[in-house]
N, C-alpha and C. Protein backbone atom coordinates (compact mmCIF):
# COMPACT_ATOMS: atom_id res chain seq x y z
N MET A 1 0.86 -1.18 0.00
CA MET A 1 0.00 0.00 0.00
C MET A 1 0.90 1.23 0.00
N PHE A 2 0.43 2.26 -0.65
CA PHE A 2 1.18 3.51 -0.71
C PHE A 2 1.15 4.20 0.65
N GLY A 3 2.23 4.92 0.94
CA GLY A 3 2.31 5.64 2.21
C GLY A 3 1.63 6.99 2.12
N LYS A 4 0.97 7.36 3.19
CA LYS A 4 0.34 8.68 3.27
C LYS A 4 1.41 9.67 3.72
N ILE A 5 1.54 10.71 2.98
CA ILE A 5 2.46 11.78 3.32
C ILE A 5 1.62 13.05 3.38
N GLU A 6 1.66 13.73 4.51
CA GLU A 6 0.78 14.88 4.72
C GLU A 6 1.36 16.19 4.20
N HIS A 7 2.69 16.34 4.27
CA HIS A 7 3.28 17.65 4.01
C HIS A 7 4.72 17.51 3.55
N THR A 8 5.17 18.46 2.76
CA THR A 8 6.57 18.54 2.38
C THR A 8 7.13 19.89 2.83
N LYS A 9 8.41 19.89 3.17
CA LYS A 9 9.08 21.14 3.56
C LYS A 9 9.52 21.93 2.33
N TYR A 10 9.25 21.39 1.15
CA TYR A 10 9.69 22.01 -0.10
C TYR A 10 8.50 22.28 -1.02
N PRO A 11 7.62 23.22 -0.64
CA PRO A 11 6.43 23.45 -1.46
C PRO A 11 6.79 23.95 -2.86
N PRO A 12 6.03 23.51 -3.86
CA PRO A 12 6.29 23.94 -5.23
C PRO A 12 5.77 25.35 -5.49
N PHE A 13 6.19 25.94 -6.58
CA PHE A 13 5.73 27.27 -6.98
C PHE A 13 4.32 27.23 -7.56
N GLN A 14 3.88 26.02 -7.98
CA GLN A 14 2.54 25.79 -8.52
C GLN A 14 2.09 24.41 -8.07
N ASN A 15 0.79 24.23 -7.88
CA ASN A 15 0.28 22.91 -7.56
C ASN A 15 0.76 21.93 -8.62
N VAL A 16 1.30 20.80 -8.17
CA VAL A 16 1.87 19.84 -9.12
C VAL A 16 1.42 18.42 -8.80
N LEU A 17 0.97 17.71 -9.83
CA LEU A 17 0.64 16.30 -9.68
C LEU A 17 1.80 15.51 -10.28
N ILE A 18 2.38 14.67 -9.46
CA ILE A 18 3.55 13.88 -9.86
C ILE A 18 3.09 12.44 -10.10
N TRP A 19 3.40 11.93 -11.28
CA TRP A 19 2.91 10.63 -11.72
C TRP A 19 4.04 9.83 -12.35
N ASP A 20 3.77 8.56 -12.65
CA ASP A 20 4.77 7.66 -13.22
C ASP A 20 4.78 7.78 -14.74
N GLY A 21 5.83 8.38 -15.27
CA GLY A 21 5.94 8.60 -16.71
C GLY A 21 6.16 7.35 -17.53
N ASP A 22 6.45 6.22 -16.88
CA ASP A 22 6.67 4.96 -17.59
C ASP A 22 5.40 4.11 -17.67
N CYS A 23 4.30 4.61 -17.16
CA CYS A 23 3.06 3.84 -17.04
C CYS A 23 2.02 4.34 -18.05
N GLY A 24 1.60 3.46 -18.98
CA GLY A 24 0.60 3.82 -19.97
C GLY A 24 -0.75 4.15 -19.35
N PHE A 25 -1.17 3.37 -18.35
CA PHE A 25 -2.42 3.63 -17.64
C PHE A 25 -2.37 5.01 -17.01
N CYS A 26 -1.24 5.31 -16.35
CA CYS A 26 -1.07 6.61 -15.68
C CYS A 26 -1.13 7.75 -16.69
N LYS A 27 -0.47 7.58 -17.82
CA LYS A 27 -0.45 8.62 -18.86
C LYS A 27 -1.85 8.88 -19.41
N PHE A 28 -2.61 7.81 -19.64
CA PHE A 28 -3.98 7.94 -20.14
C PHE A 28 -4.80 8.82 -19.20
N TRP A 29 -4.82 8.46 -17.91
CA TRP A 29 -5.65 9.19 -16.96
C TRP A 29 -5.07 10.54 -16.60
N LYS A 30 -3.75 10.69 -16.63
CA LYS A 30 -3.13 12.00 -16.43
C LYS A 30 -3.61 12.96 -17.52
N THR A 31 -3.66 12.48 -18.74
CA THR A 31 -4.10 13.32 -19.86
C THR A 31 -5.55 13.76 -19.66
N ARG A 32 -6.37 12.84 -19.19
CA ARG A 32 -7.78 13.16 -18.92
C ARG A 32 -7.90 14.21 -17.81
N TRP A 33 -7.17 14.00 -16.71
CA TRP A 33 -7.21 14.93 -15.58
C TRP A 33 -6.66 16.30 -16.00
N GLN A 34 -5.61 16.31 -16.78
CA GLN A 34 -4.98 17.55 -17.22
C GLN A 34 -5.96 18.37 -18.07
N SER A 35 -6.76 17.70 -18.89
CA SER A 35 -7.74 18.41 -19.70
C SER A 35 -8.82 19.06 -18.84
N LYS A 36 -9.08 18.48 -17.68
CA LYS A 36 -10.11 19.00 -16.79
C LYS A 36 -9.58 20.13 -15.89
N THR A 37 -8.28 20.10 -15.56
CA THR A 37 -7.74 21.08 -14.62
C THR A 37 -7.09 22.28 -15.30
N GLY A 38 -6.83 22.17 -16.60
CA GLY A 38 -6.23 23.30 -17.31
C GLY A 38 -4.89 23.69 -16.73
N ASP A 39 -4.71 24.98 -16.48
CA ASP A 39 -3.42 25.45 -15.97
C ASP A 39 -3.39 25.56 -14.44
N LYS A 40 -4.39 24.99 -13.78
CA LYS A 40 -4.44 25.05 -12.32
C LYS A 40 -3.43 24.11 -11.66
N ILE A 41 -3.04 23.07 -12.41
CA ILE A 41 -2.10 22.07 -11.89
C ILE A 41 -1.04 21.79 -12.94
N LEU A 42 0.18 21.71 -12.49
CA LEU A 42 1.29 21.29 -13.34
C LEU A 42 1.40 19.78 -13.22
N PHE A 43 1.56 19.07 -14.32
CA PHE A 43 1.69 17.62 -14.30
C PHE A 43 3.12 17.27 -14.67
N GLU A 44 3.80 16.55 -13.77
CA GLU A 44 5.20 16.17 -13.97
C GLU A 44 5.39 14.71 -13.60
N THR A 45 6.33 14.06 -14.28
CA THR A 45 6.65 12.68 -13.92
C THR A 45 7.55 12.66 -12.69
N TYR A 46 7.44 11.59 -11.92
CA TYR A 46 8.33 11.49 -10.76
C TYR A 46 9.77 11.32 -11.22
N GLN A 47 9.96 10.72 -12.40
CA GLN A 47 11.30 10.51 -12.91
C GLN A 47 12.03 11.85 -13.10
N ALA A 48 11.30 12.90 -13.43
CA ALA A 48 11.91 14.21 -13.67
C ALA A 48 11.78 15.16 -12.49
N PHE A 49 10.78 14.96 -11.64
CA PHE A 49 10.43 16.00 -10.67
C PHE A 49 10.58 15.61 -9.20
N ALA A 50 10.72 14.33 -8.91
CA ALA A 50 10.79 13.90 -7.50
C ALA A 50 11.97 14.53 -6.77
N LYS A 51 13.02 14.82 -7.49
CA LYS A 51 14.23 15.40 -6.87
C LYS A 51 13.95 16.74 -6.19
N HIS A 52 12.86 17.41 -6.53
CA HIS A 52 12.51 18.69 -5.92
C HIS A 52 11.92 18.52 -4.52
N PHE A 53 11.67 17.26 -4.13
CA PHE A 53 11.06 16.97 -2.83
C PHE A 53 11.91 15.94 -2.09
N PRO A 54 13.08 16.34 -1.60
CA PRO A 54 13.99 15.39 -0.97
C PRO A 54 13.45 14.76 0.32
N ASP A 55 12.42 15.35 0.91
CA ASP A 55 11.85 14.77 2.13
C ASP A 55 10.79 13.70 1.84
N ILE A 56 10.51 13.44 0.56
CA ILE A 56 9.58 12.36 0.18
C ILE A 56 10.42 11.27 -0.49
N PRO A 57 10.45 10.07 0.09
CA PRO A 57 11.26 8.99 -0.49
C PRO A 57 10.84 8.65 -1.93
N LEU A 58 11.80 8.41 -2.78
CA LEU A 58 11.53 8.07 -4.18
C LEU A 58 10.60 6.87 -4.29
N LYS A 59 10.76 5.89 -3.39
CA LYS A 59 9.91 4.70 -3.44
C LYS A 59 8.42 5.05 -3.28
N GLU A 60 8.13 6.14 -2.57
CA GLU A 60 6.73 6.55 -2.41
C GLU A 60 6.16 7.13 -3.70
N PHE A 61 7.00 7.83 -4.48
CA PHE A 61 6.55 8.32 -5.78
C PHE A 61 6.32 7.16 -6.74
N LYS A 62 7.08 6.08 -6.58
CA LYS A 62 6.92 4.92 -7.45
C LYS A 62 5.63 4.17 -7.15
N LYS A 63 5.13 4.27 -5.92
CA LYS A 63 3.93 3.54 -5.50
C LYS A 63 2.63 4.24 -5.88
N ALA A 64 2.64 5.59 -5.90
CA ALA A 64 1.38 6.30 -6.09
C ALA A 64 1.63 7.73 -6.58
N SER A 65 0.64 8.26 -7.26
CA SER A 65 0.72 9.66 -7.66
C SER A 65 0.61 10.54 -6.42
N ARG A 66 1.16 11.74 -6.53
CA ARG A 66 1.13 12.70 -5.42
C ARG A 66 0.76 14.07 -5.97
N LEU A 67 -0.23 14.68 -5.37
CA LEU A 67 -0.54 16.07 -5.67
C LEU A 67 0.07 16.89 -4.55
N ILE A 68 0.96 17.80 -4.91
CA ILE A 68 1.62 18.64 -3.93
C ILE A 68 1.20 20.07 -4.21
N GLU A 69 0.62 20.70 -3.20
CA GLU A 69 0.10 22.05 -3.36
C GLU A 69 1.11 23.09 -2.88
N ILE A 70 0.85 24.34 -3.25
CA ILE A 70 1.82 25.40 -2.97
C ILE A 70 2.01 25.67 -1.48
N ASP A 71 1.11 25.19 -0.64
CA ASP A 71 1.31 25.33 0.81
C ASP A 71 2.07 24.14 1.39
N GLY A 72 2.48 23.20 0.54
CA GLY A 72 3.22 22.02 0.99
C GLY A 72 2.35 20.81 1.32
N SER A 73 1.04 20.95 1.23
CA SER A 73 0.14 19.81 1.48
C SER A 73 0.35 18.76 0.40
N VAL A 74 0.32 17.49 0.82
CA VAL A 74 0.51 16.38 -0.11
C VAL A 74 -0.71 15.48 -0.06
N TYR A 75 -1.25 15.16 -1.23
CA TYR A 75 -2.38 14.26 -1.36
C TYR A 75 -1.89 13.06 -2.15
N SER A 76 -2.20 11.87 -1.67
CA SER A 76 -1.61 10.65 -2.21
C SER A 76 -2.64 9.71 -2.82
N GLY A 77 -2.20 8.96 -3.83
CA GLY A 77 -3.04 7.92 -4.41
C GLY A 77 -4.34 8.46 -4.96
N PRO A 78 -5.46 7.83 -4.59
CA PRO A 78 -6.74 8.25 -5.15
C PRO A 78 -7.09 9.69 -4.79
N ASP A 79 -6.67 10.13 -3.61
CA ASP A 79 -7.00 11.51 -3.23
C ASP A 79 -6.20 12.52 -4.04
N SER A 80 -5.09 12.12 -4.63
CA SER A 80 -4.38 13.04 -5.53
C SER A 80 -5.25 13.33 -6.76
N ALA A 81 -5.96 12.30 -7.23
CA ALA A 81 -6.88 12.49 -8.36
C ALA A 81 -8.10 13.28 -7.92
N TYR A 82 -8.69 12.91 -6.78
CA TYR A 82 -9.88 13.61 -6.29
C TYR A 82 -9.57 15.08 -6.01
N ARG A 83 -8.44 15.35 -5.41
CA ARG A 83 -8.06 16.73 -5.09
C ARG A 83 -7.75 17.51 -6.38
N SER A 84 -7.20 16.83 -7.38
CA SER A 84 -6.97 17.49 -8.67
C SER A 84 -8.30 17.95 -9.26
N LEU A 85 -9.30 17.08 -9.21
CA LEU A 85 -10.63 17.46 -9.71
C LEU A 85 -11.23 18.58 -8.88
N TRP A 86 -10.89 18.62 -7.59
CA TRP A 86 -11.34 19.71 -6.71
C TRP A 86 -10.88 21.05 -7.27
N HIS A 87 -9.64 21.10 -7.74
CA HIS A 87 -9.12 22.34 -8.33
C HIS A 87 -9.85 22.71 -9.61
N ALA A 88 -10.45 21.72 -10.26
CA ALA A 88 -11.20 21.96 -11.50
C ALA A 88 -12.65 22.33 -11.21
N GLY A 89 -13.04 22.35 -9.93
CA GLY A 89 -14.40 22.72 -9.55
C GLY A 89 -15.28 21.57 -9.12
N ASN A 90 -14.82 20.33 -9.28
CA ASN A 90 -15.59 19.16 -8.88
C ASN A 90 -15.12 18.73 -7.49
N LYS A 91 -15.75 19.27 -6.46
CA LYS A 91 -15.28 19.10 -5.09
C LYS A 91 -15.83 17.85 -4.39
N LYS A 92 -16.83 17.19 -4.99
CA LYS A 92 -17.54 16.12 -4.28
C LYS A 92 -16.65 14.92 -3.95
N TRP A 93 -15.75 14.51 -4.88
CA TRP A 93 -14.96 13.30 -4.65
C TRP A 93 -13.96 13.47 -3.52
N HIS A 94 -13.28 14.60 -3.46
CA HIS A 94 -12.32 14.85 -2.38
C HIS A 94 -13.05 14.95 -1.04
N LYS A 95 -14.19 15.62 -1.03
CA LYS A 95 -14.99 15.74 0.21
C LYS A 95 -15.44 14.36 0.68
N LEU A 96 -15.91 13.54 -0.24
CA LEU A 96 -16.35 12.19 0.11
C LEU A 96 -15.18 11.35 0.63
N TYR A 97 -14.03 11.47 0.00
CA TYR A 97 -12.83 10.75 0.44
C TYR A 97 -12.46 11.14 1.87
N LYS A 98 -12.55 12.41 2.18
CA LYS A 98 -12.20 12.90 3.52
C LYS A 98 -13.26 12.55 4.57
N SER A 99 -14.53 12.50 4.17
CA SER A 99 -15.59 12.33 5.16
C SER A 99 -16.07 10.89 5.36
N SER A 100 -15.84 10.02 4.40
CA SER A 100 -16.36 8.65 4.49
C SER A 100 -15.22 7.64 4.59
N SER A 101 -15.13 6.98 5.72
CA SER A 101 -14.07 5.97 5.89
C SER A 101 -14.29 4.78 4.95
N VAL A 102 -15.54 4.47 4.63
CA VAL A 102 -15.83 3.37 3.71
C VAL A 102 -15.35 3.73 2.30
N PHE A 103 -15.70 4.92 1.83
CA PHE A 103 -15.27 5.35 0.50
C PHE A 103 -13.74 5.47 0.44
N ARG A 104 -13.14 5.99 1.49
CA ARG A 104 -11.68 6.12 1.55
C ARG A 104 -11.01 4.76 1.48
N SER A 105 -11.52 3.80 2.23
CA SER A 105 -10.96 2.45 2.22
C SER A 105 -11.11 1.79 0.86
N LEU A 106 -12.30 1.88 0.27
CA LEU A 106 -12.53 1.31 -1.06
C LEU A 106 -11.62 1.97 -2.10
N SER A 107 -11.49 3.29 -2.02
CA SER A 107 -10.62 4.02 -2.96
C SER A 107 -9.17 3.59 -2.81
N ASN A 108 -8.71 3.52 -1.58
CA ASN A 108 -7.31 3.15 -1.34
C ASN A 108 -7.01 1.73 -1.81
N HIS A 109 -7.89 0.80 -1.48
CA HIS A 109 -7.66 -0.58 -1.89
C HIS A 109 -7.80 -0.75 -3.40
N GLY A 110 -8.77 -0.08 -3.99
CA GLY A 110 -8.92 -0.12 -5.44
C GLY A 110 -7.71 0.47 -6.14
N TYR A 111 -7.24 1.60 -5.64
CA TYR A 111 -6.05 2.25 -6.22
C TYR A 111 -4.84 1.32 -6.12
N ASN A 112 -4.67 0.73 -4.95
CA ASN A 112 -3.54 -0.18 -4.73
C ASN A 112 -3.61 -1.37 -5.68
N HIS A 113 -4.79 -1.94 -5.85
CA HIS A 113 -4.95 -3.08 -6.76
C HIS A 113 -4.62 -2.68 -8.20
N ILE A 114 -5.14 -1.55 -8.63
CA ILE A 114 -4.85 -1.08 -9.98
C ILE A 114 -3.36 -0.81 -10.15
N ALA A 115 -2.74 -0.18 -9.15
CA ALA A 115 -1.30 0.14 -9.22
C ALA A 115 -0.45 -1.12 -9.40
N LYS A 116 -0.89 -2.21 -8.80
CA LYS A 116 -0.13 -3.47 -8.91
C LYS A 116 -0.44 -4.22 -10.21
N ASN A 117 -1.47 -3.79 -10.93
CA ASN A 117 -1.89 -4.48 -12.16
C ASN A 117 -2.13 -3.47 -13.28
N ARG A 118 -1.23 -2.51 -13.41
CA ARG A 118 -1.43 -1.40 -14.35
C ARG A 118 -1.59 -1.86 -15.79
N SER A 119 -0.81 -2.82 -16.21
CA SER A 119 -0.85 -3.29 -17.60
C SER A 119 -2.24 -3.83 -17.94
N PHE A 120 -2.78 -4.68 -17.07
CA PHE A 120 -4.12 -5.22 -17.29
C PHE A 120 -5.16 -4.10 -17.33
N TYR A 121 -5.10 -3.17 -16.37
CA TYR A 121 -6.10 -2.11 -16.31
C TYR A 121 -5.95 -1.10 -17.44
N PHE A 122 -4.77 -0.97 -18.00
CA PHE A 122 -4.61 -0.12 -19.17
C PHE A 122 -5.31 -0.75 -20.37
N LYS A 123 -5.15 -2.06 -20.54
CA LYS A 123 -5.85 -2.77 -21.62
C LYS A 123 -7.36 -2.68 -21.42
N LEU A 124 -7.81 -2.87 -20.19
CA LEU A 124 -9.24 -2.79 -19.88
C LEU A 124 -9.77 -1.37 -20.14
N THR A 125 -9.01 -0.36 -19.76
CA THR A 125 -9.42 1.03 -20.00
C THR A 125 -9.63 1.28 -21.48
N LYS A 126 -8.68 0.84 -22.30
CA LYS A 126 -8.80 1.05 -23.74
C LYS A 126 -9.97 0.26 -24.33
N ALA A 127 -10.22 -0.95 -23.80
CA ALA A 127 -11.34 -1.75 -24.28
C ALA A 127 -12.69 -1.12 -23.92
N LEU A 128 -12.76 -0.51 -22.74
CA LEU A 128 -14.03 0.07 -22.27
C LEU A 128 -14.26 1.49 -22.78
N PHE A 129 -13.18 2.26 -22.96
CA PHE A 129 -13.32 3.69 -23.27
C PHE A 129 -12.65 4.14 -24.56
N GLY A 130 -11.90 3.27 -25.22
CA GLY A 130 -11.18 3.67 -26.42
C GLY A 130 -9.77 4.12 -26.08
N LYS A 131 -9.03 4.51 -27.11
CA LYS A 131 -7.61 4.86 -26.93
C LYS A 131 -7.37 6.33 -26.66
N ASN A 132 -8.37 7.17 -26.85
CA ASN A 132 -8.18 8.60 -26.68
C ASN A 132 -8.78 9.09 -25.36
N PRO A 133 -7.95 9.48 -24.40
CA PRO A 133 -8.47 9.91 -23.11
C PRO A 133 -9.26 11.22 -23.16
N LEU A 134 -9.11 11.97 -24.24
CA LEU A 134 -9.83 13.23 -24.37
C LEU A 134 -11.21 13.05 -24.99
N HIS A 135 -11.43 11.89 -25.60
CA HIS A 135 -12.73 11.58 -26.22
C HIS A 135 -13.10 10.14 -25.90
N LEU A 136 -13.59 9.92 -24.68
CA LEU A 136 -13.94 8.57 -24.25
C LEU A 136 -15.13 8.05 -25.05
N LYS A 137 -15.06 6.81 -25.43
CA LYS A 137 -16.13 6.13 -26.15
C LYS A 137 -16.84 5.18 -25.18
N PRO A 138 -18.15 5.10 -25.24
CA PRO A 138 -18.88 4.24 -24.30
C PRO A 138 -18.93 2.78 -24.77
N TYR A 139 -17.77 2.19 -25.05
CA TYR A 139 -17.75 0.79 -25.50
C TYR A 139 -18.32 -0.14 -24.44
N TRP A 140 -18.15 0.19 -23.17
CA TRP A 140 -18.68 -0.64 -22.09
C TRP A 140 -20.19 -0.82 -22.25
N PHE A 141 -20.88 0.23 -22.69
CA PHE A 141 -22.33 0.15 -22.88
C PHE A 141 -22.68 -0.84 -23.99
N LEU A 142 -21.89 -0.82 -25.06
CA LEU A 142 -22.12 -1.77 -26.17
C LEU A 142 -21.90 -3.20 -25.71
N TYR A 143 -20.89 -3.43 -24.86
CA TYR A 143 -20.64 -4.78 -24.34
C TYR A 143 -21.81 -5.27 -23.51
N ILE A 144 -22.34 -4.41 -22.66
CA ILE A 144 -23.49 -4.78 -21.83
C ILE A 144 -24.71 -5.07 -22.71
N LEU A 145 -24.92 -4.24 -23.71
CA LEU A 145 -26.03 -4.44 -24.63
C LEU A 145 -25.88 -5.76 -25.37
N LEU A 146 -24.69 -6.07 -25.84
CA LEU A 146 -24.43 -7.33 -26.53
C LEU A 146 -24.68 -8.54 -25.63
N ILE A 147 -24.22 -8.47 -24.41
CA ILE A 147 -24.45 -9.56 -23.44
C ILE A 147 -25.94 -9.72 -23.18
N GLY A 148 -26.64 -8.59 -23.02
CA GLY A 148 -28.08 -8.65 -22.81
C GLY A 148 -28.80 -9.29 -23.97
N LEU A 149 -28.41 -8.96 -25.20
CA LEU A 149 -29.01 -9.57 -26.37
C LEU A 149 -28.73 -11.05 -26.44
N LEU A 150 -27.51 -11.45 -26.09
CA LEU A 150 -27.16 -12.89 -26.09
C LEU A 150 -28.00 -13.66 -25.08
N VAL A 151 -28.22 -13.07 -23.91
CA VAL A 151 -29.02 -13.72 -22.88
C VAL A 151 -30.47 -13.88 -23.37
N ILE A 152 -30.99 -12.87 -24.03
CA ILE A 152 -32.37 -12.93 -24.53
C ILE A 152 -32.49 -13.98 -25.65
N VAL A 153 -31.53 -14.00 -26.56
CA VAL A 153 -31.57 -14.91 -27.70
C VAL A 153 -31.36 -16.35 -27.25
N LEU A 154 -30.47 -16.57 -26.33
CA LEU A 154 -30.16 -17.94 -25.88
C LEU A 154 -31.15 -18.31 -24.83
């Protein structure tokens, strides 16, 4: 499981989400999040940017994305995504993560599972939503419709 880090002594000049640049799944969803947040958040790979935060162990950047805000606050794993959306005006997910222990636990365990199986989930993401993170296709709906038709016919 990824470690929770609350604060860094080296706050950035702009809110920055640090992600794994070698991960296709991460790149897909980073692109989607970046389109939603505009210039409110800088997106950098840990391979290039982790050195700016010497008080956060490199192994922690390898385990999970981190949103680091200009006041030094650090949001980890699923909350880095939820907090990123908060900056884009969608505050419900971060609020739910902070207020509901059940949602927080499910988010953390789901994130951890996906992080350990990124290759599989990247293939699944492309199968369900297409290859373009900026224009998601509802292929999942077609799969459900096809299964429903097969059940009716058989």
